[in-house]
Structures are given as C-alpha cells and as structure tokens.
Amino acid sequence: MTDLTKQKCEACTIDAPLVDKKRFAELLKDLDGWEIIYEDINILSKTYSFDNYEDSVKFATDIAKLAEDEDHHPSILLEWGSVRVQWWSHKIKGLHMNDFICAAKTETLIS
C-alpha cells in the first residue's frame, strides 16, 4: 500500500470519485482504530483518549492546522479526555482518498 502520509489532498469537486467500498478494508489496514460509520453517508471516524483536557485541546488544534494545510476539514468533537475526529468529503457526500490521507496524517500527530 502507498504511504498515505506522503500524499497531498487534491481539490475535491462535485464530480470527484467516491472511494469504492471494496477498497475500505485495504485502506483501513494502516489506520489503526479508525472505522467507517454510516450516518446517511460513509464517514471515517476515530476517537482518541487523553489524560487531561489540555492535551485534548492541543491535539484538536494540531488537527485544525493539518486541515488548513490540506484544505480539507473534519468534524472535531472535543471533550475532557477525548477527541473524536471524523473525515468525509462534503461535496461528494462520502469518502474520497483525501479522507484516508488526512486520517493517516492525523495519526502522525499523536505519535
């Protein structure tokens, strides 16, 4: 598999291709703890745990910087001791390669 962290998000247009559901398992292999949930559309989701609120806030801020760098923005739910991150592509109402790239890059922020 290609190292997703070395890839850059591309501009996502309304006619951009969704990732084929047959590829989900392959792409998730390198994304420890990530899952695809269905809430009217497929969403790539993971919840990270922290020992305190300050670490949660720092991680959420790091994700925000990543999102700006990639021009691709997730849903971030910040709570004491946890941060839930959800990536999906709004324009195509589902999962694009950008979402898997950003999930992989999110993982690098924690290690």
Protein backbone atom coordinates (compact mmCIF):
# COMPACT_ATOMS: atom_id res chain seq x y z
CA MET A 1 0.00 0.00 0.00
CA THR A 2 1.12 3.53 -0.71
CA ASP A 3 2.10 5.56 2.33
CA LEU A 4 -0.89 7.86 2.65
CA THR A 5 1.06 10.33 4.80
CA LYS A 6 3.25 11.19 1.81
CA GLN A 7 0.28 12.09 -0.37
CA LYS A 8 -1.32 15.52 -0.66
CA CYS A 9 -5.04 16.16 -0.81
CA GLU A 10 -6.36 17.21 -4.18
CA ALA A 11 -9.15 19.66 -4.81
CA CYS A 12 -12.41 17.77 -4.41
CA THR A 13 -15.06 18.70 -6.95
CA ILE A 14 -18.68 17.62 -7.04
CA ASP A 15 -17.83 15.01 -9.69
CA ALA A 16 -14.81 13.59 -7.81
CA PRO A 17 -14.91 9.81 -7.37
CA LEU A 18 -16.00 8.19 -4.14
CA VAL A 19 -13.66 5.51 -2.83
CA ASP A 20 -15.15 2.17 -3.83
CA LYS A 21 -16.49 0.33 -0.76
CA LYS A 22 -14.45 -2.70 -1.86
CA ARG A 23 -11.28 -0.71 -1.02
CA PHE A 24 -12.35 0.27 2.50
CA ALA A 25 -10.77 -2.76 4.23
CA GLU A 26 -7.49 -2.33 2.34
CA LEU A 27 -7.25 1.35 3.21
CA LEU A 28 -8.21 0.79 6.86
CA LYS A 29 -5.37 -1.73 7.36
CA ASP A 30 -2.88 1.06 8.02
CA LEU A 31 -5.29 3.23 10.00
CA ASP A 32 -5.27 1.70 13.47
CA GLY A 33 -8.52 2.23 15.33
CA TRP A 34 -10.29 4.03 12.50
CA GLU A 35 -13.69 2.82 11.42
CA ILE A 36 -16.21 3.67 8.78
CA ILE A 37 -19.58 4.57 10.18
CA TYR A 38 -22.71 5.25 8.22
CA GLU A 39 -24.82 8.30 9.06
CA ASP A 40 -26.66 8.87 5.76
CA ILE A 41 -23.17 8.84 4.22
CA ASN A 42 -19.95 6.93 4.95
CA ILE A 43 -17.72 8.72 7.46
CA LEU A 44 -14.19 7.83 8.58
CA SER A 45 -14.13 8.13 12.37
CA LYS A 46 -11.84 7.65 15.35
CA THR A 47 -11.93 8.71 19.00
CA TYR A 48 -8.61 9.43 20.73
CA SER A 49 -8.23 9.32 24.52
CA PHE A 50 -6.16 11.71 26.62
CA ASP A 51 -5.32 12.06 30.30
CA ASN A 52 -6.49 15.66 30.53
CA TYR A 53 -8.33 18.46 28.77
CA GLU A 54 -5.22 20.42 27.84
CA ASP A 55 -3.80 17.53 25.80
CA SER A 56 -7.17 17.10 24.09
CA VAL A 57 -7.22 20.79 23.14
CA LYS A 58 -3.65 20.67 21.82
CA PHE A 59 -4.45 17.65 19.66
CA ALA A 60 -7.61 19.30 18.29
CA THR A 61 -5.55 22.41 17.46
CA ASP A 62 -2.96 20.27 15.67
CA ILE A 63 -5.74 18.68 13.62
CA ALA A 64 -7.04 22.14 12.73
CA LYS A 65 -3.58 23.11 11.43
CA LEU A 66 -3.42 19.90 9.39
CA ALA A 67 -6.88 20.61 7.98
CA GLU A 68 -5.84 24.09 6.89
CA ASP A 69 -2.62 22.77 5.32
CA GLU A 70 -4.58 20.16 3.35
CA ASP A 71 -7.59 22.43 2.70
CA HIS A 72 -9.80 19.58 3.91
CA HIS A 73 -11.73 19.95 7.14
CA PRO A 74 -13.08 17.29 9.54
CA SER A 75 -15.65 17.30 12.25
CA ILE A 76 -13.86 17.50 15.61
CA LEU A 77 -15.65 16.79 18.88
CA LEU A 78 -13.52 17.95 21.81
CA GLU A 79 -14.32 16.71 25.31
CA TRP A 80 -12.38 16.25 28.53
CA GLY A 81 -10.06 13.34 27.85
CA SER A 82 -11.13 12.65 24.28
CA VAL A 83 -11.23 13.97 20.75
CA ARG A 84 -13.43 12.40 18.08
CA VAL A 85 -12.29 13.10 14.53
CA GLN A 86 -14.49 12.41 11.52
CA TRP A 87 -13.36 12.83 7.93
CA TRP A 88 -15.61 12.79 4.89
CA SER A 89 -15.95 14.80 1.72
CA HIS A 90 -18.92 17.14 1.86
CA LYS A 91 -19.08 17.87 -1.87
CA ILE A 92 -19.43 14.22 -2.86
CA LYS A 93 -21.31 13.13 0.26
CA GLY A 94 -18.99 10.28 1.13
CA LEU A 95 -15.39 9.13 1.27
CA HIS A 96 -12.69 10.35 -1.10
CA MET A 97 -8.99 9.44 -0.96
CA ASN A 98 -8.47 12.82 0.74
CA ASP A 99 -10.26 11.45 3.81
CA PHE A 100 -7.92 8.48 4.11
CA ILE A 101 -4.89 10.72 3.52
CA CYS A 102 -5.99 13.07 6.29
CA ALA A 103 -6.77 10.20 8.67
CA ALA A 104 -3.24 8.86 8.13
CA LYS A 105 -1.78 12.31 8.73
CA THR A 106 -3.91 12.66 11.86
CA GLU A 107 -2.21 9.51 13.18
CA THR A 108 1.20 11.17 12.81
CA LEU A 109 0.09 13.96 15.16
CA ILE A 110 -0.42 11.54 18.03
CA SER A 111 2.89 9.66 17.82
